[in-house]
């Protein structure tokens, strides 16, 4: 998960978020229907998992669909 966060923090210029010790907020959410998982009643297993990062000092945001939300 740490590798995925670091990769999501990169942009086209490869400048990471949170430069000079700035604060970066991270959050995940579940959106829509994952096309690879059959729909089921209740829960969130059939939803797409999205990781979002926000650099508080610059206001830049980055979101990416991820496979798993476990810490491993």
PDB file of N, CA and C in Angstrom:
ATOM      1  N   UNK A   1       0.827  -1.184   0.000  1.00  0.00           N
ATOM      2  CA  UNK A   1       0.000   0.000   0.000  1.00  0.00           C
ATOM      3  C   UNK A   1       0.876   1.255   0.000  1.00  0.00           C
ATOM      4  N   UNK A   2       1.980   1.217   0.719  1.00  0.00           N
ATOM      5  CA  UNK A   2       2.868   2.374   0.758  1.00  0.00           C
ATOM      6  C   UNK A   2       3.414   2.709  -0.612  1.00  0.00           C
ATOM      7  N   UNK A   3       3.751   1.676  -1.394  1.00  0.00           N
ATOM      8  CA  UNK A   3       4.251   1.905  -2.754  1.00  0.00           C
ATOM      9  C   UNK A   3       3.179   2.560  -3.611  1.00  0.00           C
ATOM     10  N   UNK A   4       1.940   2.098  -3.496  1.00  0.00           N
ATOM     11  CA  UNK A   4       0.839   2.665  -4.277  1.00  0.00           C
ATOM     12  C   UNK A   4       0.627   4.135  -3.915  1.00  0.00           C
ATOM     13  N   UNK A   5       0.745   4.472  -2.637  1.00  0.00           N
ATOM     14  CA  UNK A   5       0.576   5.856  -2.205  1.00  0.00           C
ATOM     15  C   UNK A   5       1.688   6.719  -2.799  1.00  0.00           C
ATOM     16  N   UNK A   6       2.938   6.235  -2.734  1.00  0.00           N
ATOM     17  CA  UNK A   6       4.043   7.018  -3.296  1.00  0.00           C
ATOM     18  C   UNK A   6       3.892   7.207  -4.797  1.00  0.00           C
ATOM     19  N   UNK A   7       3.453   6.178  -5.513  1.00  0.00           N
ATOM     20  CA  UNK A   7       3.251   6.310  -6.957  1.00  0.00           C
ATOM     21  C   UNK A   7       2.120   7.281  -7.269  1.00  0.00           C
ATOM     22  N   UNK A   8       1.053   7.255  -6.475  1.00  0.00           N
ATOM     23  CA  UNK A   8      -0.063   8.167  -6.710  1.00  0.00           C
ATOM     24  C   UNK A   8       0.327   9.603  -6.409  1.00  0.00           C
ATOM     25  N   UNK A   9       1.346   9.804  -5.577  1.00  0.00           N
ATOM     26  CA  UNK A   9       1.783  11.147  -5.229  1.00  0.00           C
ATOM     27  C   UNK A   9       2.601  11.784  -6.351  1.00  0.00           C
ATOM     28  N   UNK A  10       3.010  11.014  -7.338  1.00  0.00           N
ATOM     29  CA  UNK A  10       3.795  11.562  -8.444  1.00  0.00           C
ATOM     30  C   UNK A  10       2.876  12.212  -9.465  1.00  0.00           C
ATOM     31  N   UNK A  11       3.417  13.194 -10.163  1.00  0.00           N
ATOM     32  CA  UNK A  11       2.704  13.824 -11.276  1.00  0.00           C
ATOM     33  C   UNK A  11       3.587  13.717 -12.509  1.00  0.00           C
ATOM     34  N   UNK A  12       3.158  14.329 -13.598  1.00  0.00           N
ATOM     35  CA  UNK A  12       3.921  14.291 -14.842  1.00  0.00           C
ATOM     36  C   UNK A  12       5.348  14.766 -14.666  1.00  0.00           C
ATOM     37  N   UNK A  13       5.582  15.783 -13.843  1.00  0.00           N
ATOM     38  CA  UNK A  13       6.917  16.286 -13.595  1.00  0.00           C
ATOM     39  C   UNK A  13       7.652  15.506 -12.521  1.00  0.00           C
ATOM     40  N   UNK A  14       7.051  14.465 -11.992  1.00  0.00           N
ATOM     41  CA  UNK A  14       7.614  13.631 -10.949  1.00  0.00           C
ATOM     42  C   UNK A  14       7.970  14.412  -9.689  1.00  0.00           C
ATOM     43  N   UNK A  15       7.232  15.473  -9.413  1.00  0.00           N
ATOM     44  CA  UNK A  15       7.398  16.202  -8.164  1.00  0.00           C
ATOM     45  C   UNK A  15       6.437  15.600  -7.144  1.00  0.00           C
ATOM     46  N   UNK A  16       6.932  15.079  -6.029  1.00  0.00           N
ATOM     47  CA  UNK A  16       6.039  14.444  -5.058  1.00  0.00           C
ATOM     48  C   UNK A  16       5.203  15.470  -4.295  1.00  0.00           C
ATOM     49  N   UNK A  17       4.101  15.008  -3.766  1.00  0.00           N
ATOM     50  CA  UNK A  17       3.267  15.831  -2.907  1.00  0.00           C
ATOM     51  C   UNK A  17       3.992  16.047  -1.580  1.00  0.00           C
ATOM     52  N   UNK A  18       3.627  17.086  -0.859  1.00  0.00           N
ATOM     53  CA  UNK A  18       4.142  17.322   0.476  1.00  0.00           C
ATOM     54  C   UNK A  18       5.598  17.746   0.521  1.00  0.00           C
ATOM     55  N   UNK A  19       6.045  18.477  -0.479  1.00  0.00           N
ATOM     56  CA  UNK A  19       7.441  18.918  -0.477  1.00  0.00           C
ATOM     57  C   UNK A  19       7.705  19.831   0.711  1.00  0.00           C
ATOM     58  N   UNK A  20       8.935  19.821   1.178  1.00  0.00           N
ATOM     59  CA  UNK A  20       9.378  20.643   2.309  1.00  0.00           C
ATOM     60  C   UNK A  20       8.569  20.352   3.572  1.00  0.00           C
ATOM     61  N   UNK A  21       8.176  19.111   3.758  1.00  0.00           N
ATOM     62  CA  UNK A  21       7.467  18.717   4.970  1.00  0.00           C
ATOM     63  C   UNK A  21       6.002  19.107   4.996  1.00  0.00           C
ATOM     64  N   UNK A  22       5.399  19.405   3.838  1.00  0.00           N
ATOM     65  CA  UNK A  22       3.993  19.779   3.782  1.00  0.00           C
ATOM     66  C   UNK A  22       3.074  18.621   4.141  1.00  0.00           C
ATOM     67  N   UNK A  23       1.859  18.943   4.498  1.00  0.00           N
ATOM     68  CA  UNK A  23       0.878  17.942   4.909  1.00  0.00           C
ATOM     69  C   UNK A  23       0.151  17.398   3.691  1.00  0.00           C
ATOM     70  N   UNK A  24       0.027  16.072   3.633  1.00  0.00           N
ATOM     71  CA  UNK A  24      -0.707  15.389   2.567  1.00  0.00           C
ATOM     72  C   UNK A  24      -1.810  14.564   3.220  1.00  0.00           C
ATOM     73  N   UNK A  25      -3.045  14.786   2.791  1.00  0.00           N
ATOM     74  CA  UNK A  25      -4.174  14.009   3.286  1.00  0.00           C
ATOM     75  C   UNK A  25      -4.415  12.845   2.342  1.00  0.00           C
ATOM     76  N   UNK A  26      -4.731  11.670   2.897  1.00  0.00           N
ATOM     77  CA  UNK A  26      -5.024  10.480   2.103  1.00  0.00           C
ATOM     78  C   UNK A  26      -6.342   9.891   2.582  1.00  0.00           C
ATOM     79  N   UNK A  27      -7.157   9.443   1.634  1.00  0.00           N
ATOM     80  CA  UNK A  27      -8.430   8.827   1.986  1.00  0.00           C
ATOM     81  C   UNK A  27      -8.837   7.881   0.870  1.00  0.00           C
ATOM     82  N   UNK A  28      -9.599   6.851   1.204  1.00  0.00           N
ATOM     83  CA  UNK A  28     -10.123   5.953   0.191  1.00  0.00           C
ATOM     84  C   UNK A  28     -11.640   5.965   0.249  1.00  0.00           C
ATOM     85  N   UNK A  29     -12.239   5.631  -0.880  1.00  0.00           N
ATOM     86  CA  UNK A  29     -13.690   5.559  -0.949  1.00  0.00           C
ATOM     87  C   UNK A  29     -14.071   4.479  -1.947  1.00  0.00           C
ATOM     88  N   UNK A  30     -15.335   4.145  -2.009  1.00  0.00           N
ATOM     89  CA  UNK A  30     -15.854   3.115  -2.886  1.00  0.00           C
ATOM     90  C   UNK A  30     -16.877   3.758  -3.814  1.00  0.00           C
ATOM     91  N   UNK A  31     -16.674   3.601  -5.133  1.00  0.00           N
ATOM     92  CA  UNK A  31     -17.516   4.284  -6.111  1.00  0.00           C
ATOM     93  C   UNK A  31     -17.955   3.298  -7.191  1.00  0.00           C
ATOM     94  N   UNK A  32     -19.204   3.383  -7.586  1.00  0.00           N
ATOM     95  CA  UNK A  32     -19.699   2.662  -8.757  1.00  0.00           C
ATOM     96  C   UNK A  32     -19.599   1.156  -8.672  1.00  0.00           C
ATOM     97  N   UNK A  33     -19.605   0.524  -9.825  1.00  0.00           N
ATOM     98  CA  UNK A  33     -19.593  -0.927  -9.953  1.00  0.00           C
ATOM     99  C   UNK A  33     -18.260  -1.378 -10.527  1.00  0.00           C
ATOM    100  N   UNK A  34     -17.568  -2.299  -9.842  1.00  0.00           N
ATOM    101  CA  UNK A  34     -16.335  -2.875 -10.365  1.00  0.00           C
ATOM    102  C   UNK A  34     -16.721  -3.867 -11.459  1.00  0.00           C
ATOM    103  N   UNK A  35     -16.236  -3.686 -12.692  1.00  0.00           N
ATOM    104  CA  UNK A  35     -16.653  -4.566 -13.784  1.00  0.00           C
ATOM    105  C   UNK A  35     -16.175  -6.003 -13.627  1.00  0.00           C
ATOM    106  N   UNK A  36     -15.172  -6.265 -12.795  1.00  0.00           N
ATOM    107  CA  UNK A  36     -14.631  -7.611 -12.628  1.00  0.00           C
ATOM    108  C   UNK A  36     -15.316  -8.412 -11.527  1.00  0.00           C
ATOM    109  N   UNK A  37     -16.205  -7.770 -10.764  1.00  0.00           N
ATOM    110  CA  UNK A  37     -16.843  -8.435  -9.624  1.00  0.00           C
ATOM    111  C   UNK A  37     -18.351  -8.453  -9.848  1.00  0.00           C
ATOM    112  N   UNK A  38     -18.982  -9.624  -9.709  1.00  0.00           N
ATOM    113  CA  UNK A  38     -20.446  -9.660  -9.859  1.00  0.00           C
ATOM    114  C   UNK A  38     -21.129  -8.864  -8.752  1.00  0.00           C
ATOM    115  N   UNK A  39     -22.223  -8.223  -9.101  1.00  0.00           N
ATOM    116  CA  UNK A  39     -22.942  -7.386  -8.141  1.00  0.00           C
ATOM    117  C   UNK A  39     -23.579  -8.266  -7.070  1.00  0.00           C
ATOM    118  N   UNK A  40     -23.523  -7.777  -5.838  1.00  0.00           N
ATOM    119  CA  UNK A  40     -24.131  -8.495  -4.727  1.00  0.00           C
ATOM    120  C   UNK A  40     -24.948  -7.507  -3.905  1.00  0.00           C
ATOM    121  N   UNK A  41     -25.775  -8.026  -3.042  1.00  0.00           N
ATOM    122  CA  UNK A  41     -26.597  -7.159  -2.197  1.00  0.00           C
ATOM    123  C   UNK A  41     -25.808  -6.739  -0.972  1.00  0.00           C
ATOM    124  N   UNK A  42     -25.836  -5.451  -0.676  1.00  0.00           N
ATOM    125  CA  UNK A  42     -25.174  -4.930   0.511  1.00  0.00           C
ATOM    126  C   UNK A  42     -23.662  -4.932   0.410  1.00  0.00           C
ATOM    127  N   UNK A  43     -23.028  -4.268   1.329  1.00  0.00           N
ATOM    128  CA  UNK A  43     -21.578  -4.240   1.387  1.00  0.00           C
ATOM    129  C   UNK A  43     -20.946  -3.374   0.300  1.00  0.00           C
ATOM    130  N   UNK A  44     -19.641  -3.504   0.186  1.00  0.00           N
ATOM    131  CA  UNK A  44     -18.917  -2.680  -0.784  1.00  0.00           C
ATOM    132  C   UNK A  44     -17.940  -3.510  -1.617  1.00  0.00           C
ATOM    133  N   UNK A  45     -18.004  -4.833  -1.536  1.00  0.00           N
ATOM    134  CA  UNK A  45     -17.050  -5.694  -2.246  1.00  0.00           C
ATOM    135  C   UNK A  45     -17.155  -5.533  -3.762  1.00  0.00           C
ATOM    136  N   UNK A  46     -18.319  -5.142  -4.271  1.00  0.00           N
ATOM    137  CA  UNK A  46     -18.519  -5.013  -5.711  1.00  0.00           C
ATOM    138  C   UNK A  46     -18.219  -3.604  -6.228  1.00  0.00           C
ATOM    139  N   UNK A  47     -17.767  -2.717  -5.369  1.00  0.00           N
ATOM    140  CA  UNK A  47     -17.497  -1.323  -5.761  1.00  0.00           C
ATOM    141  C   UNK A  47     -16.028  -1.146  -6.146  1.00  0.00           C
ATOM    142  N   UNK A  48     -15.736  -0.111  -6.939  1.00  0.00           N
ATOM    143  CA  UNK A  48     -14.351   0.229  -7.254  1.00  0.00           C
ATOM    144  C   UNK A  48     -13.745   0.971  -6.076  1.00  0.00           C
ATOM    145  N   UNK A  49     -12.495   0.647  -5.770  1.00  0.00           N
ATOM    146  CA  UNK A  49     -11.793   1.282  -4.659  1.00  0.00           C
ATOM    147  C   UNK A  49     -10.947   2.426  -5.203  1.00  0.00           C
ATOM    148  N   UNK A  50     -11.095   3.628  -4.637  1.00  0.00           N
ATOM    149  CA  UNK A  50     -10.392   4.812  -5.128  1.00  0.00           C
ATOM    150  C   UNK A  50      -9.605   5.432  -3.975  1.00  0.00           C
ATOM    151  N   UNK A  51      -8.310   5.673  -4.229  1.00  0.00           N
ATOM    152  CA  UNK A  51      -7.439   6.345  -3.268  1.00  0.00           C
ATOM    153  C   UNK A  51      -7.249   7.777  -3.735  1.00  0.00           C
ATOM    154  N   UNK A  52      -7.447   8.746  -2.838  1.00  0.00           N
ATOM    155  CA  UNK A  52      -7.274  10.167  -3.178  1.00  0.00           C
ATOM    156  C   UNK A  52      -6.253  10.791  -2.239  1.00  0.00           C
ATOM    157  N   UNK A  53      -5.416  11.663  -2.792  1.00  0.00           N
ATOM    158  CA  UNK A  53      -4.410  12.399  -2.031  1.00  0.00           C
ATOM    159  C   UNK A  53      -4.607  13.883  -2.281  1.00  0.00           C
ATOM    160  N   UNK A  54      -4.411  14.689  -1.247  1.00  0.00           N
ATOM    161  CA  UNK A  54      -4.550  16.133  -1.350  1.00  0.00           C
ATOM    162  C   UNK A  54      -3.374  16.791  -0.648  1.00  0.00           C
ATOM    163  N   UNK A  55      -2.645  17.633  -1.372  1.00  0.00           N
ATOM    164  CA  UNK A  55      -1.538  18.399  -0.799  1.00  0.00           C
ATOM    165  C   UNK A  55      -2.134  19.692  -0.269  1.00  0.00           C
ATOM    166  N   UNK A  56      -2.107  19.873   1.045  1.00  0.00           N
ATOM    167  CA  UNK A  56      -2.749  21.044   1.654  1.00  0.00           C
ATOM    168  C   UNK A  56      -2.087  22.356   1.253  1.00  0.00           C
ATOM    169  N   UNK A  57      -0.768  22.365   1.078  1.00  0.00           N
ATOM    170  CA  UNK A  57      -0.079  23.630   0.807  1.00  0.00           C
ATOM    171  C   UNK A  57      -0.299  24.111  -0.625  1.00  0.00           C
ATOM    172  N   UNK A  58      -0.372  23.205  -1.594  1.00  0.00           N
ATOM    173  CA  UNK A  58      -0.548  23.623  -2.992  1.00  0.00           C
ATOM    174  C   UNK A  58      -1.970  23.444  -3.492  1.00  0.00           C
ATOM    175  N   UNK A  59      -2.771  22.620  -2.805  1.00  0.00           N
ATOM    176  CA  UNK A  59      -4.141  22.373  -3.240  1.00  0.00           C
ATOM    177  C   UNK A  59      -4.244  21.344  -4.351  1.00  0.00           C
ATOM    178  N   UNK A  60      -3.118  20.733  -4.741  1.00  0.00           N
ATOM    179  CA  UNK A  60      -3.160  19.701  -5.783  1.00  0.00           C
ATOM    180  C   UNK A  60      -3.806  18.438  -5.239  1.00  0.00           C
ATOM    181  N   UNK A  61      -4.574  17.768  -6.072  1.00  0.00           N
ATOM    182  CA  UNK A  61      -5.229  16.525  -5.681  1.00  0.00           C
ATOM    183  C   UNK A  61      -4.941  15.463  -6.733  1.00  0.00           C
ATOM    184  N   UNK A  62      -4.925  14.214  -6.291  1.00  0.00           N
ATOM    185  CA  UNK A  62      -4.675  13.099  -7.195  1.00  0.00           C
ATOM    186  C   UNK A  62      -5.512  11.927  -6.735  1.00  0.00           C
ATOM    187  N   UNK A  63      -6.213  11.267  -7.656  1.00  0.00           N
ATOM    188  CA  UNK A  63      -7.020  10.089  -7.344  1.00  0.00           C
ATOM    189  C   UNK A  63      -6.635   8.960  -8.271  1.00  0.00           C
ATOM    190  N   UNK A  64      -6.707   7.737  -7.753  1.00  0.00           N
ATOM    191  CA  UNK A  64      -6.335   6.567  -8.545  1.00  0.00           C
ATOM    192  C   UNK A  64      -7.154   5.378  -8.080  1.00  0.00           C
ATOM    193  N   UNK A  65      -7.615   4.559  -9.034  1.00  0.00           N
ATOM    194  CA  UNK A  65      -8.316   3.314  -8.698  1.00  0.00           C
ATOM    195  C   UNK A  65      -7.274   2.320  -8.244  1.00  0.00           C
ATOM    196  N   UNK A  66      -7.549   1.638  -7.110  1.00  0.00           N
ATOM    197  CA  UNK A  66      -6.625   0.661  -6.565  1.00  0.00           C
ATOM    198  C   UNK A  66      -7.309  -0.704  -6.477  1.00  0.00           C
ATOM    199  N   UNK A  67      -6.514  -1.762  -6.316  1.00  0.00           N
ATOM    200  CA  UNK A  67      -7.061  -3.121  -6.271  1.00  0.00           C
ATOM    201  C   UNK A  67      -7.578  -3.497  -4.894  1.00  0.00           C
ATOM    202  N   UNK A  68      -6.846  -3.120  -3.852  1.00  0.00           N
ATOM    203  CA  UNK A  68      -7.183  -3.522  -2.489  1.00  0.00           C
ATOM    204  C   UNK A  68      -7.024  -2.329  -1.551  1.00  0.00           C
ATOM    205  N   UNK A  69      -7.738  -2.331  -0.447  1.00  0.00           N
ATOM    206  CA  UNK A  69      -7.599  -1.272   0.537  1.00  0.00           C
ATOM    207  C   UNK A  69      -6.945  -1.781   1.818  1.00  0.00           C
ATOM    208  N   UNK A  70      -6.447  -3.023   1.822  1.00  0.00           N
ATOM    209  CA  UNK A  70      -5.758  -3.539   2.989  1.00  0.00           C
ATOM    210  C   UNK A  70      -4.389  -2.881   3.099  1.00  0.00           C
ATOM    211  N   UNK A  71      -3.869  -2.760   4.307  1.00  0.00           N
ATOM    212  CA  UNK A  71      -2.574  -2.159   4.549  1.00  0.00           C
ATOM    213  C   UNK A  71      -1.407  -2.960   3.977  1.00  0.00           C
ATOM    214  N   UNK A  72      -1.612  -4.232   3.727  1.00  0.00           N
ATOM    215  CA  UNK A  72      -0.546  -5.084   3.195  1.00  0.00           C
ATOM    216  C   UNK A  72      -0.262  -4.710   1.779  1.00  0.00           C
TER     217      UNK A  72
END
